[in-house]
Amino acid sequence: MKRLLLPLLFFLMTIQLQAENKGYIVTKNGMQLTGAIGEIFYSDIMSTVIFINDFGTPYRLYPQLISGFVFQESGALVRYESKYKDGSWCFLKVVEKGKILSLYKTHEVKTEFADGENVFGKRTYKVNELWLQYRSEKPVQINRFNFRRTLRKKLWLYPSMSRKIGKPGYKFKNLEDIVREVNKLNRRTVL
């Protein structure tokens, strides 16, 4: 019986490790610790990630404790950074990173806690929240309604680019391209 249980236990552990995304966390001092990235939790008041080190020990990590984490998903590297926004820390997914502008996205699933009349509930739903960071300022949430005003205010040093915001090819749906172009523009002016 023991001979049958040992291979079965090993097989189940292997399946569990394969279900997690291989990756690493980046500590505050820049060290990389390898392991697997588990569940990412995001709400308005808190954000956490489950990290399983190479020895199989799970840890619940908060954004205040690490700089970020990286893992592979569908063959592509996914990178999250710890950011302080709206009075709390959270993990933001890097969409476009640059010296002038960086574009981030929150985790796709958001959890909301409700405290009704003697009832405590939890609700999860999909979100698409985008955050823009200008240089080393705090990230600002950006949406269809505030993106033109926000970008024009942030890009006052680049008047030619600032005037293009809102015109065809420079609308909200082109946000990633706008961020890329601003960062390329900065490289040309610095050199």
N, C-alpha and C. Protein backbone atom coordinates (compact mmCIF):
# COMPACT_ATOMS: atom_id res chain seq x y z
N MET A 1 0.82 -1.19 0.00
CA MET A 1 0.00 0.00 0.00
C MET A 1 0.87 1.27 0.00
N LYS A 2 1.96 1.25 0.81
CA LYS A 2 2.85 2.41 0.87
C LYS A 2 3.51 2.66 -0.49
N ARG A 3 3.84 1.58 -1.20
CA ARG A 3 4.47 1.72 -2.52
C ARG A 3 3.54 2.40 -3.51
N LEU A 4 2.26 2.24 -3.35
CA LEU A 4 1.28 2.85 -4.24
C LEU A 4 1.04 4.32 -3.86
N LEU A 5 1.00 4.64 -2.58
CA LEU A 5 0.71 5.99 -2.12
C LEU A 5 1.85 6.97 -2.40
N LEU A 6 3.09 6.53 -2.27
CA LEU A 6 4.22 7.42 -2.47
C LEU A 6 4.28 7.97 -3.90
N PRO A 7 4.18 7.14 -4.95
CA PRO A 7 4.17 7.69 -6.30
C PRO A 7 2.94 8.58 -6.56
N LEU A 8 1.80 8.21 -5.98
CA LEU A 8 0.58 9.01 -6.16
C LEU A 8 0.75 10.39 -5.52
N LEU A 9 1.33 10.43 -4.33
CA LEU A 9 1.57 11.70 -3.64
C LEU A 9 2.54 12.56 -4.44
N PHE A 10 3.61 11.95 -4.95
CA PHE A 10 4.59 12.68 -5.76
C PHE A 10 3.94 13.24 -7.02
N PHE A 11 3.09 12.46 -7.67
CA PHE A 11 2.38 12.88 -8.87
C PHE A 11 1.47 14.08 -8.59
N LEU A 12 0.73 14.04 -7.48
CA LEU A 12 -0.16 15.14 -7.12
C LEU A 12 0.62 16.42 -6.81
N MET A 13 1.77 16.29 -6.16
CA MET A 13 2.59 17.46 -5.86
C MET A 13 3.13 18.08 -7.15
N THR A 14 3.50 17.26 -8.12
CA THR A 14 4.02 17.74 -9.40
C THR A 14 2.93 18.51 -10.14
N ILE A 15 1.71 18.00 -10.13
CA ILE A 15 0.60 18.67 -10.80
C ILE A 15 0.36 20.03 -10.14
N GLN A 16 0.40 20.09 -8.81
CA GLN A 16 0.19 21.34 -8.09
C GLN A 16 1.25 22.37 -8.46
N LEU A 17 2.51 21.99 -8.53
CA LEU A 17 3.58 22.93 -8.87
C LEU A 17 3.46 23.41 -10.31
N GLN A 18 2.99 22.55 -11.22
CA GLN A 18 2.84 22.95 -12.61
C GLN A 18 1.68 23.92 -12.77
N ALA A 19 0.68 23.86 -11.86
CA ALA A 19 -0.46 24.77 -11.95
C ALA A 19 -0.06 26.20 -11.63
N GLU A 20 0.99 26.39 -10.83
CA GLU A 20 1.49 27.71 -10.49
C GLU A 20 2.37 28.23 -11.63
N ASN A 21 2.50 29.53 -11.73
CA ASN A 21 3.34 30.15 -12.74
C ASN A 21 4.75 30.30 -12.21
N LYS A 22 5.72 29.72 -12.91
CA LYS A 22 7.12 29.85 -12.52
C LYS A 22 7.53 31.30 -12.66
N GLY A 23 8.29 31.78 -11.69
CA GLY A 23 8.72 33.16 -11.74
C GLY A 23 9.63 33.51 -10.59
N TYR A 24 9.66 34.78 -10.25
CA TYR A 24 10.49 35.23 -9.13
C TYR A 24 9.92 36.52 -8.56
N ILE A 25 10.31 36.80 -7.31
CA ILE A 25 9.96 38.08 -6.71
C ILE A 25 11.22 38.93 -6.68
N VAL A 26 11.05 40.24 -6.68
CA VAL A 26 12.17 41.17 -6.59
C VAL A 26 12.05 41.86 -5.23
N THR A 27 13.07 41.68 -4.40
CA THR A 27 13.05 42.27 -3.06
C THR A 27 13.33 43.77 -3.14
N LYS A 28 13.16 44.46 -2.03
CA LYS A 28 13.40 45.90 -1.99
C LYS A 28 14.85 46.26 -2.32
N ASN A 29 15.79 45.33 -2.01
CA ASN A 29 17.20 45.63 -2.32
C ASN A 29 17.63 45.06 -3.68
N GLY A 30 16.67 44.62 -4.50
CA GLY A 30 16.95 44.21 -5.87
C GLY A 30 17.28 42.74 -6.07
N MET A 31 17.27 41.94 -5.02
CA MET A 31 17.55 40.51 -5.17
C MET A 31 16.34 39.80 -5.78
N GLN A 32 16.62 38.74 -6.53
CA GLN A 32 15.56 37.95 -7.13
C GLN A 32 15.50 36.59 -6.44
N LEU A 33 14.31 36.24 -5.96
CA LEU A 33 14.09 34.94 -5.32
C LEU A 33 13.18 34.13 -6.22
N THR A 34 13.66 32.98 -6.69
CA THR A 34 12.88 32.18 -7.64
C THR A 34 11.88 31.28 -6.93
N GLY A 35 10.86 30.92 -7.67
CA GLY A 35 9.81 30.06 -7.14
C GLY A 35 8.63 30.06 -8.09
N ALA A 36 7.45 30.06 -7.51
CA ALA A 36 6.22 30.08 -8.31
C ALA A 36 5.30 31.16 -7.77
N ILE A 37 4.61 31.82 -8.67
CA ILE A 37 3.66 32.86 -8.31
C ILE A 37 2.27 32.24 -8.32
N GLY A 38 1.58 32.35 -7.21
CA GLY A 38 0.24 31.78 -7.08
C GLY A 38 -0.82 32.84 -7.31
N GLU A 39 -1.81 32.86 -6.44
CA GLU A 39 -2.96 33.75 -6.57
C GLU A 39 -2.56 35.21 -6.32
N ILE A 40 -3.08 36.07 -7.17
CA ILE A 40 -2.91 37.52 -7.00
C ILE A 40 -4.26 38.06 -6.53
N PHE A 41 -4.26 38.74 -5.40
CA PHE A 41 -5.49 39.28 -4.81
C PHE A 41 -5.44 40.79 -4.91
N TYR A 42 -6.54 41.40 -5.36
CA TYR A 42 -6.60 42.86 -5.49
C TYR A 42 -7.95 43.37 -5.03
N SER A 43 -7.92 44.36 -4.15
CA SER A 43 -9.12 45.08 -3.74
C SER A 43 -8.73 46.53 -3.49
N ASP A 44 -9.70 47.38 -3.17
CA ASP A 44 -9.40 48.79 -2.93
C ASP A 44 -8.54 49.00 -1.70
N ILE A 45 -8.64 48.11 -0.74
CA ILE A 45 -7.92 48.32 0.52
C ILE A 45 -6.65 47.49 0.65
N MET A 46 -6.48 46.48 -0.18
CA MET A 46 -5.35 45.58 0.00
C MET A 46 -5.03 44.83 -1.29
N SER A 47 -3.76 44.47 -1.41
CA SER A 47 -3.30 43.67 -2.54
C SER A 47 -2.26 42.69 -2.02
N THR A 48 -2.34 41.44 -2.45
CA THR A 48 -1.37 40.44 -2.02
C THR A 48 -1.06 39.48 -3.18
N VAL A 49 0.02 38.74 -3.00
CA VAL A 49 0.36 37.69 -3.95
C VAL A 49 0.87 36.50 -3.15
N ILE A 50 0.55 35.30 -3.62
CA ILE A 50 1.07 34.09 -2.99
C ILE A 50 2.33 33.70 -3.76
N PHE A 51 3.43 33.56 -3.01
CA PHE A 51 4.71 33.17 -3.59
C PHE A 51 5.14 31.86 -2.95
N ILE A 52 5.47 30.87 -3.78
CA ILE A 52 5.93 29.56 -3.29
C ILE A 52 7.38 29.43 -3.68
N ASN A 53 8.26 29.39 -2.68
CA ASN A 53 9.69 29.33 -3.00
C ASN A 53 10.07 27.96 -3.55
N ASP A 54 11.33 27.79 -3.91
CA ASP A 54 11.79 26.54 -4.53
C ASP A 54 11.69 25.34 -3.60
N PHE A 55 11.59 25.58 -2.30
CA PHE A 55 11.45 24.48 -1.33
C PHE A 55 9.99 24.10 -1.11
N GLY A 56 9.07 24.84 -1.73
CA GLY A 56 7.65 24.53 -1.61
C GLY A 56 6.94 25.25 -0.48
N THR A 57 7.60 26.21 0.15
CA THR A 57 6.99 26.95 1.25
C THR A 57 6.21 28.14 0.70
N PRO A 58 4.91 28.22 0.99
CA PRO A 58 4.12 29.35 0.48
C PRO A 58 4.22 30.57 1.41
N TYR A 59 4.20 31.76 0.81
CA TYR A 59 4.22 33.02 1.54
C TYR A 59 3.16 33.93 0.94
N ARG A 60 2.47 34.66 1.79
CA ARG A 60 1.56 35.72 1.32
C ARG A 60 2.34 37.03 1.44
N LEU A 61 2.57 37.69 0.30
CA LEU A 61 3.40 38.90 0.27
C LEU A 61 2.55 40.12 -0.05
N TYR A 62 2.87 41.20 0.63
CA TYR A 62 2.19 42.48 0.43
C TYR A 62 3.10 43.41 -0.37
N PRO A 63 2.54 44.36 -1.11
CA PRO A 63 3.35 45.24 -1.95
C PRO A 63 4.35 46.10 -1.17
N GLN A 64 4.08 46.36 0.10
CA GLN A 64 5.00 47.16 0.90
C GLN A 64 6.31 46.42 1.13
N LEU A 65 6.29 45.09 1.03
CA LEU A 65 7.43 44.26 1.40
C LEU A 65 8.39 43.95 0.25
N ILE A 66 7.89 44.01 -0.99
CA ILE A 66 8.74 43.66 -2.14
C ILE A 66 8.59 44.73 -3.23
N SER A 67 9.53 44.75 -4.17
CA SER A 67 9.46 45.71 -5.28
C SER A 67 8.51 45.25 -6.38
N GLY A 68 8.34 43.93 -6.50
CA GLY A 68 7.46 43.41 -7.53
C GLY A 68 7.72 41.94 -7.76
N PHE A 69 7.11 41.40 -8.83
CA PHE A 69 7.32 40.00 -9.19
C PHE A 69 7.12 39.82 -10.68
N VAL A 70 7.69 38.74 -11.19
CA VAL A 70 7.65 38.43 -12.62
C VAL A 70 7.32 36.95 -12.76
N PHE A 71 6.49 36.62 -13.74
CA PHE A 71 6.21 35.21 -14.03
C PHE A 71 5.91 35.05 -15.51
N GLN A 72 5.93 33.80 -15.95
CA GLN A 72 5.64 33.50 -17.35
C GLN A 72 4.22 33.01 -17.47
N GLU A 73 3.51 33.59 -18.44
CA GLU A 73 2.13 33.19 -18.69
C GLU A 73 1.93 33.10 -20.19
N SER A 74 1.58 31.94 -20.67
CA SER A 74 1.39 31.69 -22.10
C SER A 74 2.62 32.09 -22.92
N GLY A 75 3.79 31.81 -22.38
CA GLY A 75 5.04 32.07 -23.08
C GLY A 75 5.55 33.51 -23.00
N ALA A 76 4.77 34.39 -22.39
CA ALA A 76 5.19 35.80 -22.27
C ALA A 76 5.50 36.13 -20.81
N LEU A 77 6.46 37.03 -20.61
CA LEU A 77 6.79 37.47 -19.27
C LEU A 77 5.78 38.52 -18.81
N VAL A 78 5.24 38.33 -17.63
CA VAL A 78 4.31 39.27 -17.03
C VAL A 78 4.99 39.88 -15.82
N ARG A 79 5.01 41.21 -15.75
CA ARG A 79 5.72 41.89 -14.67
C ARG A 79 4.76 42.78 -13.88
N TYR A 80 4.81 42.65 -12.56
CA TYR A 80 4.03 43.50 -11.66
C TYR A 80 5.00 44.29 -10.80
N GLU A 81 4.66 45.54 -10.51
CA GLU A 81 5.47 46.38 -9.63
C GLU A 81 4.62 46.83 -8.45
N SER A 82 5.26 47.05 -7.31
CA SER A 82 4.58 47.59 -6.14
C SER A 82 4.49 49.10 -6.29
N LYS A 83 3.29 49.63 -6.14
CA LYS A 83 3.08 51.07 -6.26
C LYS A 83 2.15 51.55 -5.15
N TYR A 84 2.39 52.79 -4.72
CA TYR A 84 1.52 53.43 -3.73
C TYR A 84 0.56 54.32 -4.48
N LYS A 85 -0.73 54.02 -4.35
CA LYS A 85 -1.74 54.78 -5.08
C LYS A 85 -2.96 54.98 -4.20
N ASP A 86 -3.54 56.12 -4.25
CA ASP A 86 -4.78 56.42 -3.53
C ASP A 86 -4.76 56.00 -2.05
N GLY A 87 -3.65 56.19 -1.39
CA GLY A 87 -3.57 55.91 0.04
C GLY A 87 -3.31 54.47 0.43
N SER A 88 -3.07 53.60 -0.53
CA SER A 88 -2.75 52.20 -0.20
C SER A 88 -1.78 51.63 -1.23
N TRP A 89 -1.14 50.55 -0.86
CA TRP A 89 -0.19 49.88 -1.74
C TRP A 89 -0.91 48.83 -2.56
N CYS A 90 -0.44 48.62 -3.79
CA CYS A 90 -1.00 47.54 -4.61
C CYS A 90 0.04 47.09 -5.64
N PHE A 91 -0.24 45.95 -6.24
CA PHE A 91 0.59 45.45 -7.33
C PHE A 91 -0.05 45.90 -8.64
N LEU A 92 0.72 46.57 -9.50
CA LEU A 92 0.22 47.00 -10.79
C LEU A 92 1.00 46.28 -11.89
N LYS A 93 0.28 45.77 -12.87
CA LYS A 93 0.89 45.08 -14.01
C LYS A 93 1.49 46.10 -14.96
N VAL A 94 2.72 45.88 -15.37
CA VAL A 94 3.42 46.80 -16.28
C VAL A 94 2.93 46.55 -17.70
N VAL A 95 2.37 47.58 -18.32
CA VAL A 95 1.93 47.49 -19.71
C VAL A 95 3.01 48.11 -20.60
N GLU A 96 3.43 49.33 -20.28
CA GLU A 96 4.52 50.03 -20.97
C GLU A 96 5.34 50.77 -19.92
N LYS A 97 6.64 50.58 -19.94
CA LYS A 97 7.52 51.21 -18.96
C LYS A 97 8.49 52.13 -19.68
N GLY A 98 8.63 53.36 -19.18
CA GLY A 98 9.56 54.30 -19.78
C GLY A 98 10.06 55.29 -18.74
N LYS A 99 11.05 56.11 -19.15
CA LYS A 99 11.61 57.10 -18.22
C LYS A 99 10.65 58.25 -17.97
N ILE A 100 9.85 58.62 -18.96
CA ILE A 100 8.92 59.74 -18.80
C ILE A 100 7.54 59.25 -18.38
N LEU A 101 6.96 58.36 -19.17
CA LEU A 101 5.63 57.84 -18.89
C LEU A 101 5.67 56.33 -18.76
N SER A 102 4.90 55.83 -17.80
CA SER A 102 4.72 54.38 -17.65
C SER A 102 3.23 54.11 -17.54
N LEU A 103 2.79 53.04 -18.17
CA LEU A 103 1.38 52.65 -18.15
C LEU A 103 1.24 51.34 -17.40
N TYR A 104 0.33 51.30 -16.44
CA TYR A 104 0.10 50.13 -15.61
C TYR A 104 -1.37 49.74 -15.66
N LYS A 105 -1.61 48.51 -15.24
CA LYS A 105 -2.97 47.98 -15.21
C LYS A 105 -3.13 47.20 -13.91
N THR A 106 -4.28 47.30 -13.28
CA THR A 106 -4.51 46.51 -12.07
C THR A 106 -4.78 45.06 -12.47
N HIS A 107 -4.77 44.19 -11.49
CA HIS A 107 -5.10 42.80 -11.75
C HIS A 107 -6.52 42.73 -12.32
N GLU A 108 -6.77 41.76 -13.18
CA GLU A 108 -8.04 41.68 -13.90
C GLU A 108 -9.25 41.42 -13.01
N VAL A 109 -9.03 40.79 -11.86
CA VAL A 109 -10.13 40.45 -10.97
C VAL A 109 -10.01 41.27 -9.69
N LYS A 110 -11.09 41.97 -9.36
CA LYS A 110 -11.11 42.81 -8.16
C LYS A 110 -12.11 42.23 -7.17
N THR A 111 -11.73 42.26 -5.91
CA THR A 111 -12.62 41.77 -4.86
C THR A 111 -13.13 42.95 -4.06
N GLU A 112 -14.42 42.93 -3.78
CA GLU A 112 -15.05 43.99 -3.02
C GLU A 112 -15.76 43.36 -1.82
N PHE A 113 -15.54 43.95 -0.67
CA PHE A 113 -16.18 43.45 0.54
C PHE A 113 -17.36 44.35 0.87
N ALA A 114 -18.49 43.73 1.21
CA ALA A 114 -19.69 44.49 1.55
C ALA A 114 -20.13 44.13 2.95
N ASP A 115 -20.48 45.14 3.71
CA ASP A 115 -20.97 44.93 5.06
C ASP A 115 -22.38 45.48 5.13
N GLY A 116 -23.33 44.61 4.89
CA GLY A 116 -24.72 45.02 4.91
C GLY A 116 -25.31 44.85 6.30
N GLU A 117 -26.59 44.80 6.37
CA GLU A 117 -27.28 44.63 7.65
C GLU A 117 -27.02 43.24 8.20
N ASN A 118 -26.12 43.15 9.16
CA ASN A 118 -25.75 41.88 9.80
C ASN A 118 -25.29 40.82 8.81
N VAL A 119 -24.90 41.24 7.62
CA VAL A 119 -24.42 40.30 6.61
C VAL A 119 -23.08 40.81 6.08
N PHE A 120 -22.12 39.93 6.03
CA PHE A 120 -20.83 40.28 5.46
C PHE A 120 -20.67 39.51 4.16
N GLY A 121 -20.42 40.21 3.08
CA GLY A 121 -20.33 39.54 1.79
C GLY A 121 -19.06 39.90 1.03
N LYS A 122 -18.75 39.07 0.07
CA LYS A 122 -17.59 39.28 -0.78
C LYS A 122 -18.03 39.10 -2.22
N ARG A 123 -17.60 40.01 -3.07
CA ARG A 123 -17.98 39.96 -4.48
C ARG A 123 -16.73 40.16 -5.32
N THR A 124 -16.56 39.34 -6.34
CA THR A 124 -15.44 39.51 -7.26
C THR A 124 -15.98 39.82 -8.66
N TYR A 125 -15.27 40.67 -9.36
CA TYR A 125 -15.69 41.01 -10.71
C TYR A 125 -14.47 41.44 -11.52
N LYS A 126 -14.62 41.43 -12.84
CA LYS A 126 -13.51 41.80 -13.74
C LYS A 126 -13.44 43.32 -13.87
N VAL A 127 -12.20 43.82 -13.89
CA VAL A 127 -11.98 45.25 -14.06
C VAL A 127 -10.90 45.49 -15.10
N ASN A 128 -10.88 46.69 -15.62
CA ASN A 128 -9.84 47.11 -16.56
C ASN A 128 -9.41 48.52 -16.16
N GLU A 129 -8.72 48.62 -15.02
CA GLU A 129 -8.29 49.92 -14.51
C GLU A 129 -6.87 50.20 -15.00
N LEU A 130 -6.69 51.35 -15.62
CA LEU A 130 -5.38 51.76 -16.12
C LEU A 130 -4.82 52.88 -15.25
N TRP A 131 -3.51 52.85 -15.05
CA TRP A 131 -2.81 53.85 -14.24
C TRP A 131 -1.63 54.39 -15.04
N LEU A 132 -1.44 55.69 -14.96
CA LEU A 132 -0.36 56.35 -15.67
C LEU A 132 0.57 56.98 -14.65
N GLN A 133 1.86 56.77 -14.84
CA GLN A 133 2.85 57.36 -13.94
C GLN A 133 3.77 58.25 -14.75
N TYR A 134 3.86 59.51 -14.34
CA TYR A 134 4.74 60.47 -14.99
C TYR A 134 6.01 60.58 -14.16
N ARG A 135 7.13 60.25 -14.78
CA ARG A 135 8.44 60.23 -14.12
C ARG A 135 8.35 59.43 -12.82
N SER A 136 8.66 60.04 -11.68
CA SER A 136 8.61 59.28 -10.42
C SER A 136 7.44 59.71 -9.53
N GLU A 137 6.45 60.38 -10.12
CA GLU A 137 5.26 60.77 -9.36
C GLU A 137 4.42 59.54 -9.04
N LYS A 138 3.43 59.72 -8.18
CA LYS A 138 2.51 58.63 -7.87
C LYS A 138 1.65 58.32 -9.09
N PRO A 139 1.30 57.07 -9.30
CA PRO A 139 0.42 56.73 -10.44
C PRO A 139 -0.96 57.37 -10.29
N VAL A 140 -1.53 57.75 -11.43
CA VAL A 140 -2.85 58.37 -11.47
C VAL A 140 -3.75 57.48 -12.31
N GLN A 141 -4.95 57.21 -11.80
CA GLN A 141 -5.88 56.39 -12.58
C GLN A 141 -6.34 57.19 -13.79
N ILE A 142 -6.40 56.50 -14.91
CA ILE A 142 -6.74 57.17 -16.17
C ILE A 142 -7.88 56.39 -16.83
N ASN A 143 -8.83 57.13 -17.39
CA ASN A 143 -9.96 56.50 -18.08
C ASN A 143 -10.33 57.35 -19.29
N ARG A 144 -11.36 56.96 -19.97
CA ARG A 144 -11.77 57.66 -21.20
C ARG A 144 -12.08 59.13 -20.96
N PHE A 145 -12.57 59.45 -19.77
CA PHE A 145 -13.05 60.80 -19.50
C PHE A 145 -11.95 61.76 -19.04
N ASN A 146 -10.89 61.26 -18.45
CA ASN A 146 -9.86 62.17 -17.92
C ASN A 146 -8.51 62.05 -18.64
N PHE A 147 -8.39 61.17 -19.62
CA PHE A 147 -7.07 60.92 -20.19
C PHE A 147 -6.52 62.13 -20.94
N ARG A 148 -7.37 62.87 -21.68
CA ARG A 148 -6.87 64.03 -22.43
C ARG A 148 -6.35 65.12 -21.48
N ARG A 149 -7.14 65.44 -20.48
CA ARG A 149 -6.75 66.48 -19.53
C ARG A 149 -5.49 66.07 -18.77
N THR A 150 -5.45 64.82 -18.33
CA THR A 150 -4.30 64.32 -17.57
C THR A 150 -3.03 64.33 -18.42
N LEU A 151 -3.11 63.79 -19.62
CA LEU A 151 -1.92 63.74 -20.47
C LEU A 151 -1.44 65.13 -20.89
N ARG A 152 -2.36 66.01 -21.21
CA ARG A 152 -1.95 67.36 -21.60
C ARG A 152 -1.25 68.08 -20.44
N LYS A 153 -1.76 67.86 -19.24
CA LYS A 153 -1.14 68.48 -18.06
C LYS A 153 0.25 67.91 -17.81
N LYS A 154 0.40 66.59 -17.95
CA LYS A 154 1.69 65.94 -17.69
C LYS A 154 2.71 66.24 -18.78
N LEU A 155 2.25 66.44 -19.99
CA LEU A 155 3.16 66.61 -21.13
C LEU A 155 3.36 68.07 -21.53
N TRP A 156 3.24 68.98 -20.60
CA TRP A 156 3.40 70.40 -20.93
C TRP A 156 4.81 70.72 -21.43
N LEU A 157 5.78 69.90 -21.09
CA LEU A 157 7.15 70.12 -21.59
C LEU A 157 7.30 69.72 -23.05
N TYR A 158 6.34 68.98 -23.56
CA TYR A 158 6.35 68.50 -24.95
C TYR A 158 5.11 69.05 -25.67
N PRO A 159 5.10 70.34 -26.02
CA PRO A 159 3.89 70.96 -26.58
C PRO A 159 3.40 70.31 -27.87
N SER A 160 4.32 69.85 -28.73
CA SER A 160 3.88 69.23 -29.99
C SER A 160 3.10 67.95 -29.70
N MET A 161 3.56 67.19 -28.72
CA MET A 161 2.86 65.95 -28.35
C MET A 161 1.56 66.26 -27.60
N SER A 162 1.61 67.24 -26.76
CA SER A 162 0.44 67.62 -25.97
C SER A 162 -0.73 68.03 -26.87
N ARG A 163 -0.43 68.73 -27.97
CA ARG A 163 -1.48 69.17 -28.90
C ARG A 163 -2.12 68.00 -29.65
N LYS A 164 -1.40 66.92 -29.82
CA LYS A 164 -1.92 65.76 -30.56
C LYS A 164 -2.93 64.94 -29.76
N ILE A 165 -2.87 65.02 -28.44
CA ILE A 165 -3.73 64.19 -27.58
C ILE A 165 -5.20 64.48 -27.88
N GLY A 166 -5.95 63.42 -28.17
CA GLY A 166 -7.37 63.53 -28.48
C GLY A 166 -7.66 63.52 -29.98
N LYS A 167 -6.64 63.73 -30.78
CA LYS A 167 -6.81 63.72 -32.24
C LYS A 167 -6.74 62.27 -32.73
N PRO A 168 -7.12 62.00 -34.00
CA PRO A 168 -7.06 60.63 -34.51
C PRO A 168 -5.66 60.02 -34.35
N GLY A 169 -5.62 58.80 -33.83
CA GLY A 169 -4.36 58.11 -33.57
C GLY A 169 -3.79 58.40 -32.19
N TYR A 170 -4.40 59.37 -31.49
CA TYR A 170 -3.94 59.75 -30.15
C TYR A 170 -5.11 59.78 -29.17
N LYS A 171 -5.99 58.81 -29.33
CA LYS A 171 -7.16 58.70 -28.45
C LYS A 171 -6.89 57.67 -27.35
N PHE A 172 -7.86 57.49 -26.48
CA PHE A 172 -7.70 56.59 -25.33
C PHE A 172 -7.33 55.17 -25.76
N LYS A 173 -7.92 54.70 -26.85
CA LYS A 173 -7.62 53.34 -27.30
C LYS A 173 -6.17 53.18 -27.76
N ASN A 174 -5.48 54.30 -28.05
CA ASN A 174 -4.08 54.29 -28.49
C ASN A 174 -3.11 54.62 -27.36
N LEU A 175 -3.53 54.44 -26.13
CA LEU A 175 -2.74 54.86 -24.97
C LEU A 175 -1.36 54.23 -24.93
N GLU A 176 -1.26 52.94 -25.24
CA GLU A 176 0.05 52.27 -25.24
C GLU A 176 0.98 52.90 -26.27
N ASP A 177 0.45 53.19 -27.46
CA ASP A 177 1.26 53.82 -28.51
C ASP A 177 1.69 55.23 -28.11
N ILE A 178 0.81 55.96 -27.44
CA ILE A 178 1.13 57.31 -26.99
C ILE A 178 2.28 57.26 -25.99
N VAL A 179 2.21 56.34 -25.04
CA VAL A 179 3.27 56.21 -24.03
C VAL A 179 4.59 55.86 -24.70
N ARG A 180 4.56 54.93 -25.64
CA ARG A 180 5.78 54.56 -26.38
C ARG A 180 6.37 55.76 -27.12
N GLU A 181 5.51 56.52 -27.79
CA GLU A 181 5.97 57.68 -28.57
C GLU A 181 6.56 58.76 -27.67
N VAL A 182 5.94 59.02 -26.53
CA VAL A 182 6.47 60.03 -25.61
C VAL A 182 7.85 59.61 -25.11
N ASN A 183 8.01 58.34 -24.79
CA ASN A 183 9.32 57.88 -24.30
C ASN A 183 10.37 57.91 -25.41
N LYS A 184 9.99 57.63 -26.66
CA LYS A 184 10.93 57.75 -27.78
C LYS A 184 11.28 59.22 -28.02
N LEU A 185 10.29 60.09 -27.92
CA LEU A 185 10.51 61.52 -28.09
C LEU A 185 11.51 62.02 -27.07
N ASN A 186 11.40 61.55 -25.86
CA ASN A 186 12.34 61.93 -24.80
C ASN A 186 13.76 61.48 -25.14
N ARG A 187 13.93 60.28 -25.67
CA ARG A 187 15.27 59.78 -26.03
C ARG A 187 15.90 60.65 -27.12
N ARG A 188 15.08 61.11 -28.07
CA ARG A 188 15.62 61.94 -29.15
C ARG A 188 16.03 63.32 -28.63
N THR A 189 15.27 63.90 -27.71
CA THR A 189 15.58 65.24 -27.23
C THR A 189 16.77 65.23 -26.28
N VAL A 190 16.96 64.12 -25.54
CA VAL A 190 18.07 64.03 -24.61
C VAL A 190 19.38 63.85 -25.36
N LEU A 191 19.38 63.02 -26.41
CA LEU A 191 20.60 62.76 -27.19
C LEU A 191 20.92 63.95 -28.00
